Amino acid sequence: MEIASVDSFQGREKDVIVLSCVRTGSQGIGFLSDLRRMNVALTRGRFACIVLGNARVLSRDAGWSALVRHCQERGVLAQGSISSLQRCEMVIDHPSTNHRSRQMERERERERERERERDQEAMAHASVPGLTIEEEELGLLSQSDD
């Protein structure tokens, strides 16, 4: 476990992030209202981001209000007093079954397909006079086996 500030996590990631938005005093949400910090804080978790805070206080800010609404709509907002918190076990999908990982894998596969298409296109336009494509491919294979 590592405990760090939002600013120190710029450019870094962890599998799970627990973000404390707990504030003392009645001066509003302070630095939490900075959308850049909010972006960094919410995007550092590869597989999960757990936000702790007072939804009513956070909702006074437009950016946090949108996040609170989003969590409510998805049914992932847990409300209650701190004394009502209970121990629970959370199972996080293995990276290969995680939506974000599947999405990234599909994008990598599309990129590989585009590269294959570019290679085929280049081969179609780059021929050696007097050689068929099969002979060219055999020549390339025998050269690469050396």
Protein backbone atom coordinates (compact mmCIF):
# COMPACT_ATOMS: atom_id res chain seq x y z
CA MET A 1 0.00 0.00 0.00
CA GLU A 2 1.22 3.47 -0.84
CA ILE A 3 -0.21 6.71 0.51
CA ALA A 4 0.46 9.79 -1.57
CA SER A 5 -1.00 13.11 -2.67
CA VAL A 6 -2.88 13.52 -5.94
CA ASP A 7 -0.11 15.71 -7.32
CA SER A 8 2.54 13.06 -6.66
CA PHE A 9 0.52 10.54 -8.71
CA GLN A 10 0.72 12.58 -11.91
CA GLY A 11 1.79 10.14 -14.64
CA ARG A 12 1.58 7.06 -12.39
CA GLU A 13 -1.01 4.31 -11.89
CA LYS A 14 -1.91 1.62 -9.37
CA ASP A 15 -4.34 -1.28 -9.73
CA VAL A 16 -6.70 0.21 -7.13
CA ILE A 17 -6.89 3.78 -5.89
CA VAL A 18 -8.69 4.83 -2.71
CA LEU A 19 -9.28 8.57 -2.91
CA SER A 20 -10.15 10.43 0.27
CA CYS A 21 -12.19 13.57 -0.38
CA VAL A 22 -12.94 14.03 3.31
CA ARG A 23 -12.68 17.69 4.29
CA THR A 24 -12.82 19.43 7.62
CA GLY A 25 -14.33 22.85 8.06
CA SER A 26 -17.01 24.60 6.08
CA GLN A 27 -14.88 26.43 3.52
CA GLY A 28 -16.08 24.31 0.61
CA ILE A 29 -14.04 21.64 -1.09
CA GLY A 30 -10.85 23.64 -1.64
CA PHE A 31 -8.28 22.06 -3.94
CA LEU A 32 -10.73 19.27 -4.79
CA SER A 33 -12.53 21.76 -7.07
CA ASP A 34 -9.53 21.84 -9.43
CA LEU A 35 -10.68 19.78 -12.44
CA ARG A 36 -7.09 18.86 -13.35
CA ARG A 37 -6.52 17.33 -9.92
CA MET A 38 -9.90 15.61 -10.12
CA ASN A 39 -8.92 14.13 -13.49
CA VAL A 40 -5.58 12.88 -12.17
CA ALA A 41 -7.17 11.45 -9.02
CA LEU A 42 -9.93 9.58 -10.84
CA THR A 43 -7.79 8.16 -13.63
CA ARG A 44 -4.88 6.65 -11.66
CA GLY A 45 -6.60 3.32 -10.91
CA ARG A 46 -6.15 0.64 -13.57
CA PHE A 47 -9.03 -1.49 -12.29
CA ALA A 48 -10.85 0.44 -9.56
CA CYS A 49 -11.14 3.85 -7.96
CA ILE A 50 -12.92 4.09 -4.61
CA VAL A 51 -13.87 7.62 -3.58
CA LEU A 52 -14.57 8.42 0.07
CA GLY A 53 -16.31 11.68 0.88
CA ASN A 54 -19.50 13.48 1.65
CA ALA A 55 -21.63 13.36 -1.52
CA ARG A 56 -23.71 16.32 -0.38
CA VAL A 57 -20.61 18.50 0.13
CA LEU A 58 -18.93 17.32 -3.07
CA SER A 59 -22.12 17.98 -5.07
CA ARG A 60 -21.72 21.72 -4.45
CA ASP A 61 -19.03 21.61 -7.14
CA ALA A 62 -20.17 21.09 -10.76
CA GLY A 63 -17.51 18.48 -11.62
CA TRP A 64 -18.02 16.42 -8.48
CA SER A 65 -21.78 16.80 -8.77
CA ALA A 66 -21.63 15.17 -12.20
CA LEU A 67 -19.57 12.30 -10.77
CA VAL A 68 -21.98 11.82 -7.84
CA ARG A 69 -24.93 11.70 -10.28
CA HIS A 70 -23.07 9.23 -12.49
CA CYS A 71 -22.37 6.97 -9.51
CA GLN A 72 -26.01 7.21 -8.38
CA GLU A 73 -27.27 6.29 -11.86
CA ARG A 74 -24.96 3.26 -11.98
CA GLY A 75 -25.93 2.15 -8.50
CA VAL A 76 -22.41 2.36 -7.13
CA LEU A 77 -22.91 5.16 -4.60
CA ALA A 78 -22.98 3.88 -1.03
CA GLN A 79 -24.48 6.33 1.43
CA GLY A 80 -24.51 6.34 5.20
CA SER A 81 -22.65 7.55 8.22
CA ILE A 82 -19.11 6.46 8.88
CA SER A 83 -20.37 4.37 11.79
CA SER A 84 -22.57 2.37 9.43
CA LEU A 85 -19.65 1.22 7.31
CA GLN A 86 -19.14 -2.51 7.33
CA ARG A 87 -16.33 -4.73 6.26
CA CYS A 88 -16.84 -6.07 2.77
CA GLU A 89 -14.74 -8.00 0.34
CA MET A 90 -14.42 -6.70 -3.18
CA VAL A 91 -13.50 -8.88 -6.10
CA ILE A 92 -11.90 -6.99 -8.94
CA ASP A 93 -12.00 -8.61 -12.37
CA HIS A 94 -8.78 -10.14 -13.59
CA PRO A 95 -7.20 -7.76 -16.10
CA SER A 96 -8.01 -10.05 -19.03
CA THR A 97 -11.73 -9.92 -18.21
CA ASN A 98 -11.79 -6.29 -17.19
CA HIS A 99 -13.75 -4.05 -19.61
CA ARG A 100 -10.91 -1.56 -19.95
CA SER A 101 -8.39 -4.34 -20.65
CA ARG A 102 -10.66 -5.96 -23.24
CA GLN A 103 -11.15 -2.59 -24.89
CA MET A 104 -7.38 -2.00 -25.00
CA GLU A 105 -6.78 -5.49 -26.41
CA ARG A 106 -9.37 -4.90 -29.16
CA GLU A 107 -7.65 -1.62 -30.04
CA ARG A 108 -4.24 -3.36 -30.19
CA GLU A 109 -5.75 -6.04 -32.48
CA ARG A 110 -7.24 -3.34 -34.76
CA GLU A 111 -3.84 -1.65 -34.91
CA ARG A 112 -2.13 -4.96 -35.81
CA GLU A 113 -4.74 -5.49 -38.55
CA ARG A 114 -4.09 -1.97 -39.91
CA GLU A 115 -0.34 -2.72 -39.93
CA ARG A 116 -0.94 -5.99 -41.84
CA GLU A 117 -3.08 -4.12 -44.37
CA ARG A 118 -0.38 -1.43 -44.81
CA ASP A 119 2.25 -4.15 -45.28
CA GLN A 120 0.10 -5.93 -47.88
CA GLU A 121 -0.52 -2.63 -49.66
CA ALA A 122 3.20 -1.87 -49.70
CA MET A 123 4.00 -5.34 -51.04
CA ALA A 124 1.43 -4.93 -53.80
CA HIS A 125 3.15 -1.76 -55.01
CA ALA A 126 6.76 -2.81 -54.44
CA SER A 127 7.69 -5.57 -56.84
CA VAL A 128 10.91 -6.65 -58.47
CA PRO A 129 10.64 -6.89 -62.28
CA GLY A 130 10.55 -10.49 -63.44
CA LEU A 131 9.64 -11.99 -60.03
CA THR A 132 6.24 -13.14 -58.94
CA ILE A 133 4.97 -12.32 -55.46
CA GLU A 134 5.60 -15.91 -54.37
CA GLU A 135 9.24 -15.69 -55.49
CA GLU A 136 9.62 -12.35 -53.72
CA GLU A 137 8.15 -13.80 -50.52
CA LEU A 138 10.47 -16.82 -50.76
CA GLY A 139 13.41 -14.47 -51.26
CA LEU A 140 12.38 -12.43 -48.22
CA LEU A 141 11.95 -15.57 -46.13
CA SER A 142 15.30 -17.00 -47.10
CA GLN A 143 17.02 -13.67 -46.41
CA SER A 144 15.43 -13.40 -42.97
CA ASP A 145 16.43 -16.98 -42.05
CA ASP A 146 20.15 -16.07 -42.24
